[in-house]
């Protein structure tokens, strides 16, 4: 029951008790004293209930958050490797979300709510993300995203863009951003394995390396696309407290893992879990990833 409703119940109870008191056989002085006490108790109750902190109400709303973040990589007509989703499979998944009432929301809106800066997501909400910036995001994913009008957060590592044969070009990324359906964010500068680099480098060199991997994508995306890239997808899903501290110092407000569970209000902002989606995730396997 909300505070306003509790105040109304308390007022009715006060009136009821006051009526009983005045109809009782006790003397006038005792009736007056008891009536004054009842009124005082009501006043205290109303004051307490109407001063429920906004943060408490926000906490009650946040307690209902149960959102699944899906992580894709590349798309194609056939499965060429473990990270390729057939375009037909992706279409079927989007149709499943629509037919079964799973609204697709932006990652930024979810992050805003978890930070206490935005409304709660709708029930059974899903977030779609895609990592790496493969060319198939432009050729295969984009047409279906446009058809279904669903938002996507795209995590890219800038070193590959317009350089690697498998990656998109900068003008393609710019076109994605212009659709208003794609939010381009950071996947570090060149997708390193931080465990490998920590073993390979001396502590000071490793820290310098980490700082570059976090800071440079933000600079490049701001200069190239005018984007404030303050969301991070951890390469290979690798993160720890030291890496989180470095990423936070570089200006990131949220980080995404591959921990395969829905997002709840109890998550660390720099370690929001995602489900890695592969081509075999169809039917019941796909449904099992979605919020209950």
Protein backbone atom coordinates (compact mmCIF):
# COMPACT_ATOMS: atom_id res chain seq x y z
CA UNK A 1 0.00 0.00 0.00
CA UNK A 2 1.35 3.44 -0.88
CA UNK A 3 1.75 6.25 1.69
CA UNK A 4 -1.36 8.17 0.57
CA UNK A 5 -3.55 5.10 0.95
CA UNK A 6 -2.12 4.41 4.40
CA UNK A 7 -2.89 7.99 5.47
CA UNK A 8 -6.52 7.56 4.33
CA UNK A 9 -6.86 4.28 6.27
CA UNK A 10 -5.33 5.88 9.33
CA UNK A 11 -7.75 8.82 9.11
CA UNK A 12 -10.77 6.51 8.91
CA UNK A 13 -9.48 4.54 11.90
CA UNK A 14 -9.01 7.76 13.86
CA UNK A 15 -12.56 8.90 13.15
CA UNK A 16 -13.91 5.49 14.15
CA UNK A 17 -12.00 5.43 17.44
CA UNK A 18 -12.99 9.01 18.20
CA UNK A 19 -16.67 8.15 17.71
CA UNK A 20 -16.39 5.22 20.11
CA UNK A 21 -14.65 7.37 22.68
CA UNK A 22 -17.31 10.11 22.59
CA UNK A 23 -20.12 7.55 22.86
CA UNK A 24 -18.51 5.80 25.81
CA UNK A 25 -19.50 6.18 29.48
CA UNK A 26 -16.14 7.69 30.58
CA UNK A 27 -16.14 11.21 31.96
CA UNK A 28 -15.60 14.31 29.84
CA UNK A 29 -11.97 14.84 30.93
CA UNK A 30 -10.96 11.25 30.07
CA UNK A 31 -12.74 11.47 26.69
CA UNK A 32 -10.90 14.68 25.86
CA UNK A 33 -7.52 13.24 26.82
CA UNK A 34 -8.03 10.06 24.81
CA UNK A 35 -9.31 12.00 21.79
CA UNK A 36 -6.26 14.26 21.90
CA UNK A 37 -3.97 11.23 22.06
CA UNK A 38 -5.69 9.59 19.08
CA UNK A 39 -5.38 12.82 17.06
CA UNK A 40 -1.71 13.12 18.00
CA UNK A 41 -1.05 9.52 16.95
CA UNK A 42 -2.73 10.12 13.62
CA UNK A 43 -0.68 13.27 13.04
CA UNK A 44 2.57 11.42 13.70
CA UNK A 45 1.54 8.56 11.43
CA UNK A 46 0.58 10.89 8.60
CA UNK A 47 3.82 12.84 8.92
CA UNK A 48 5.93 9.69 8.77
CA UNK A 49 4.03 8.19 5.85
CA UNK A 50 4.03 11.33 3.75
CA UNK A 51 7.77 11.78 4.26
CA UNK A 52 8.72 8.41 2.74
CA UNK A 53 11.94 9.22 0.84
CA UNK A 54 11.78 9.24 -2.94
CA UNK A 55 14.77 6.90 -2.93
CA UNK A 56 12.68 4.31 -1.08
CA UNK A 57 9.98 4.53 -3.72
CA UNK A 58 12.61 4.27 -6.46
CA UNK A 59 14.03 1.23 -4.73
CA UNK A 60 10.62 -0.43 -4.79
CA UNK A 61 10.39 0.25 -8.51
CA UNK A 62 13.92 -0.97 -9.15
CA UNK A 63 13.15 -4.20 -7.31
CA UNK A 64 10.96 -5.21 -10.24
CA UNK A 65 13.73 -4.85 -12.85
CA UNK A 66 14.29 -8.09 -14.72
CA UNK A 67 15.77 -7.39 -18.16
CA UNK A 68 17.63 -9.71 -20.52
CA UNK A 69 20.51 -8.25 -22.55
CA UNK A 70 21.29 -10.27 -25.68
CA UNK A 71 24.78 -10.20 -27.23
CA UNK A 72 25.22 -10.91 -30.95
CA UNK A 73 28.37 -10.80 -33.09
CA UNK A 74 28.01 -11.50 -36.82
CA UNK A 75 25.32 -12.58 -39.25
CA UNK A 76 25.13 -14.45 -42.53
CA UNK A 77 23.13 -16.86 -44.70
CA UNK A 78 25.02 -19.84 -43.26
CA UNK A 79 26.89 -20.59 -40.04
CA UNK A 80 30.60 -20.23 -40.73
CA UNK A 81 31.81 -20.22 -37.11
CA UNK A 82 30.52 -20.30 -33.55
CA UNK A 83 29.79 -16.57 -33.46
CA UNK A 84 27.76 -16.41 -36.70
CA UNK A 85 23.98 -16.20 -36.47
CA UNK A 86 22.05 -17.01 -39.62
CA UNK A 87 20.09 -13.97 -40.71
CA UNK A 88 16.97 -16.16 -40.84
CA UNK A 89 17.52 -17.15 -37.20
CA UNK A 90 17.79 -13.51 -36.17
CA UNK A 91 14.57 -12.71 -38.03
CA UNK A 92 12.79 -15.55 -36.22
CA UNK A 93 14.06 -14.27 -32.87
CA UNK A 94 12.82 -10.73 -33.54
CA UNK A 95 9.43 -12.10 -34.57
CA UNK A 96 9.31 -14.19 -31.39
CA UNK A 97 9.97 -11.11 -29.25
CA UNK A 98 7.16 -9.20 -30.98
CA UNK A 99 4.63 -12.03 -30.94
CA UNK A 100 5.20 -12.86 -27.27
CA UNK A 101 5.17 -9.32 -25.94
CA UNK A 102 8.84 -8.69 -25.17
CA UNK A 103 9.50 -4.95 -25.70
CA UNK A 104 12.99 -4.13 -26.97
CA UNK A 105 14.38 -1.10 -25.13
CA UNK A 106 17.61 0.86 -25.42
CA UNK A 107 20.54 -0.04 -23.24
CA UNK A 108 20.86 3.62 -22.29
CA UNK A 109 17.34 3.68 -20.85
CA UNK A 110 18.11 0.63 -18.71
CA UNK A 111 21.38 2.15 -17.51
CA UNK A 112 19.63 5.44 -16.72
CA UNK A 113 17.09 3.63 -14.55
CA UNK A 114 19.73 1.62 -12.71
CA UNK A 115 21.54 4.89 -12.01
CA UNK A 116 18.34 6.38 -10.60
CA UNK A 117 17.98 8.81 -13.52
CA UNK A 118 15.12 7.32 -15.51
CA UNK A 119 11.84 5.40 -15.32
CA UNK A 120 11.67 1.66 -14.80
CA UNK A 121 11.70 -0.48 -17.95
CA UNK A 122 8.47 -2.18 -19.02
CA UNK A 123 7.82 -5.73 -17.92
CA UNK A 124 9.71 -8.48 -19.79
CA UNK A 125 11.98 -5.96 -21.52
CA UNK A 126 14.91 -7.05 -23.69
CA UNK A 127 18.04 -5.17 -24.81
CA UNK A 128 19.85 -6.08 -28.05
CA UNK A 129 23.60 -5.55 -28.40
CA UNK A 130 26.12 -6.52 -31.07
CA UNK A 131 29.88 -6.69 -30.54
CA UNK A 132 32.94 -6.11 -32.74
CA UNK A 133 31.61 -4.07 -35.69
CA UNK A 134 31.56 -6.82 -38.33
CA UNK A 135 30.45 -5.80 -41.83
CA UNK A 136 27.47 -8.16 -41.56
CA UNK A 137 25.94 -5.83 -38.97
CA UNK A 138 25.53 -3.35 -41.82
CA UNK A 139 24.58 -5.78 -44.59
CA UNK A 140 22.50 -8.35 -42.66
CA UNK A 141 21.42 -6.92 -39.31
CA UNK A 142 20.52 -3.39 -40.36
CA UNK A 143 17.66 -4.32 -42.75
CA UNK A 144 15.93 -6.40 -40.05
CA UNK A 145 16.48 -3.73 -37.40
CA UNK A 146 14.87 -1.19 -39.72
CA UNK A 147 11.99 -3.54 -40.50
CA UNK A 148 11.22 -4.26 -36.85
CA UNK A 149 12.20 -0.80 -35.55
CA UNK A 150 14.18 -2.15 -32.60
CA UNK A 151 17.10 -0.30 -30.94
CA UNK A 152 20.58 -1.84 -30.90
CA UNK A 153 23.72 -0.93 -28.98
CA UNK A 154 26.78 -1.66 -31.11
CA UNK A 155 30.11 -2.15 -29.33
CA UNK A 156 33.08 -1.67 -31.65
CA UNK A 157 36.87 -1.56 -31.35
CA UNK A 158 38.03 1.33 -33.55
CA UNK A 159 41.34 -0.23 -34.62
CA UNK A 160 39.43 -2.60 -36.91
CA UNK A 161 37.06 -0.09 -38.53
CA UNK A 162 38.09 0.63 -42.16
CA UNK A 163 41.18 -1.54 -41.56
CA UNK A 164 40.21 -5.19 -41.04
CA UNK A 165 38.63 -6.99 -43.99
CA UNK A 166 35.77 -8.32 -41.84
CA UNK A 167 34.87 -4.95 -40.30
CA UNK A 168 32.64 -2.06 -41.28
CA UNK A 169 33.87 1.23 -42.69
CA UNK A 170 33.57 4.50 -40.85
CA UNK A 171 30.93 5.78 -43.28
CA UNK A 172 28.85 2.66 -42.61
CA UNK A 173 29.07 3.23 -38.88
CA UNK A 174 28.02 6.83 -39.42
CA UNK A 175 25.01 5.64 -41.42
CA UNK A 176 24.03 3.26 -38.62
CA UNK A 177 24.20 6.10 -36.11
CA UNK A 178 22.04 8.32 -38.35
CA UNK A 179 19.21 5.77 -38.37
CA UNK A 180 18.57 6.57 -34.70
CA UNK A 181 18.32 2.83 -34.06
CA UNK A 182 22.02 2.15 -33.36
CA UNK A 183 23.97 3.52 -30.43
CA UNK A 184 27.71 3.01 -31.12
CA UNK A 185 29.77 2.34 -27.99
CA UNK A 186 33.19 1.05 -26.90
CA UNK A 187 34.61 -2.47 -26.99
CA UNK A 188 38.09 -1.14 -26.07
CA UNK A 189 40.54 -0.02 -28.76
CA UNK A 190 41.63 -3.38 -30.19
CA UNK A 191 39.79 -6.09 -28.21
CA UNK A 192 42.66 -7.42 -26.08
CA UNK A 193 42.62 -10.40 -23.74
CA UNK A 194 43.42 -8.61 -20.48
CA UNK A 195 44.49 -11.84 -18.76
CA UNK A 196 47.09 -12.49 -21.44
CA UNK A 197 48.34 -8.91 -21.42
CA UNK A 198 48.65 -8.86 -17.62
CA UNK A 199 50.94 -11.90 -17.76
CA UNK A 200 52.94 -10.43 -20.63
CA UNK A 201 53.51 -6.91 -19.34
CA UNK A 202 55.14 -5.41 -16.27
CA UNK A 203 52.61 -3.80 -13.85
CA UNK A 204 53.30 -0.20 -14.92
CA UNK A 205 53.23 -1.13 -18.61
CA UNK A 206 50.02 -3.07 -18.14
CA UNK A 207 48.33 -0.12 -16.45
CA UNK A 208 49.38 2.18 -19.29
CA UNK A 209 48.10 -0.36 -21.80
CA UNK A 210 44.75 -0.63 -20.02
CA UNK A 211 44.34 3.14 -19.86
CA UNK A 212 44.93 3.41 -23.60
CA UNK A 213 42.44 0.62 -24.35
CA UNK A 214 39.75 2.43 -22.38
CA UNK A 215 40.47 6.07 -23.24
CA UNK A 216 41.32 5.89 -26.94
CA UNK A 217 37.97 4.51 -28.17
CA UNK A 218 36.16 7.36 -26.43
CA UNK A 219 38.38 9.90 -28.15
CA UNK A 220 38.09 8.27 -31.58
CA UNK A 221 34.31 7.86 -31.44
CA UNK A 222 33.89 11.44 -30.30
CA UNK A 223 36.10 12.75 -33.11
CA UNK A 224 34.71 10.47 -35.83
CA UNK A 225 31.01 10.28 -34.97
CA UNK A 226 30.42 12.90 -32.27
CA UNK A 227 29.46 10.15 -29.81
CA UNK A 228 29.98 10.13 -26.05
CA UNK A 229 30.97 6.48 -25.71
CA UNK A 230 30.59 5.92 -21.98
CA UNK A 231 29.31 2.34 -22.16
CA UNK A 232 31.80 -0.54 -22.38
CA UNK A 233 31.55 -4.19 -23.41
CA UNK A 234 34.34 -6.22 -21.82
CA UNK A 235 36.39 -8.11 -24.46
CA UNK A 236 35.87 -11.87 -24.00
CA UNK A 237 33.77 -10.96 -20.96
CA UNK A 238 36.95 -10.53 -18.90
CA UNK A 239 36.83 -8.05 -16.03
CA UNK A 240 37.97 -7.66 -12.43
CA UNK A 241 37.96 -4.95 -9.76
CA UNK A 242 41.21 -3.39 -11.00
CA UNK A 243 39.94 -3.19 -14.58
CA UNK A 244 36.61 -1.80 -13.38
CA UNK A 245 38.42 0.93 -11.46
CA UNK A 246 40.44 1.88 -14.56
CA UNK A 247 37.38 1.91 -16.80
CA UNK A 248 35.47 4.07 -14.32
CA UNK A 249 38.41 6.49 -14.15
CA UNK A 250 38.26 6.71 -17.96
CA UNK A 251 34.66 7.89 -17.83
CA UNK A 252 32.57 4.75 -18.33
CA UNK A 253 29.32 4.54 -16.39
CA UNK A 254 28.37 0.95 -17.24
CA UNK A 255 30.12 -2.19 -18.43
CA UNK A 256 28.70 -5.37 -19.94
CA UNK A 257 29.85 -8.92 -19.36
CA UNK A 258 28.87 -12.33 -20.76
CA UNK A 259 27.60 -13.75 -17.47
CA UNK A 260 24.41 -15.31 -18.93
CA UNK A 261 21.64 -14.12 -16.62
CA UNK A 262 19.05 -11.34 -16.54
CA UNK A 263 19.87 -7.92 -15.15
CA UNK A 264 18.49 -7.25 -11.66
CA UNK A 265 18.79 -4.19 -9.37
CA UNK A 266 21.61 -5.93 -7.48
CA UNK A 267 24.14 -5.77 -10.32
CA UNK A 268 27.36 -3.79 -10.33
CA UNK A 269 26.97 -1.07 -12.94
CA UNK A 270 30.32 -2.02 -14.49
CA UNK A 271 29.38 -5.71 -14.71
CA UNK A 272 25.90 -5.97 -16.20
CA UNK A 273 25.29 -9.54 -17.42
CA UNK A 274 24.43 -10.53 -20.99
CA UNK A 275 23.41 -13.70 -22.81
CA UNK A 276 25.74 -14.60 -25.67
CA UNK A 277 23.45 -15.67 -28.53
CA UNK A 278 24.54 -18.36 -31.02
CA UNK A 279 22.69 -19.84 -33.97
CA UNK A 280 21.43 -22.86 -32.04
CA UNK A 281 19.59 -20.56 -29.62
CA UNK A 282 16.16 -20.92 -31.14
CA UNK A 283 12.81 -22.15 -29.86
CA UNK A 284 12.95 -23.07 -26.18
CA UNK A 285 16.67 -22.29 -25.96
CA UNK A 286 15.99 -18.71 -27.00
CA UNK A 287 12.93 -18.44 -24.76
CA UNK A 288 15.00 -19.55 -21.77
CA UNK A 289 17.16 -16.41 -22.15
CA UNK A 290 14.21 -14.06 -21.87
CA UNK A 291 12.88 -12.47 -18.66
CA UNK A 292 10.16 -14.34 -16.84
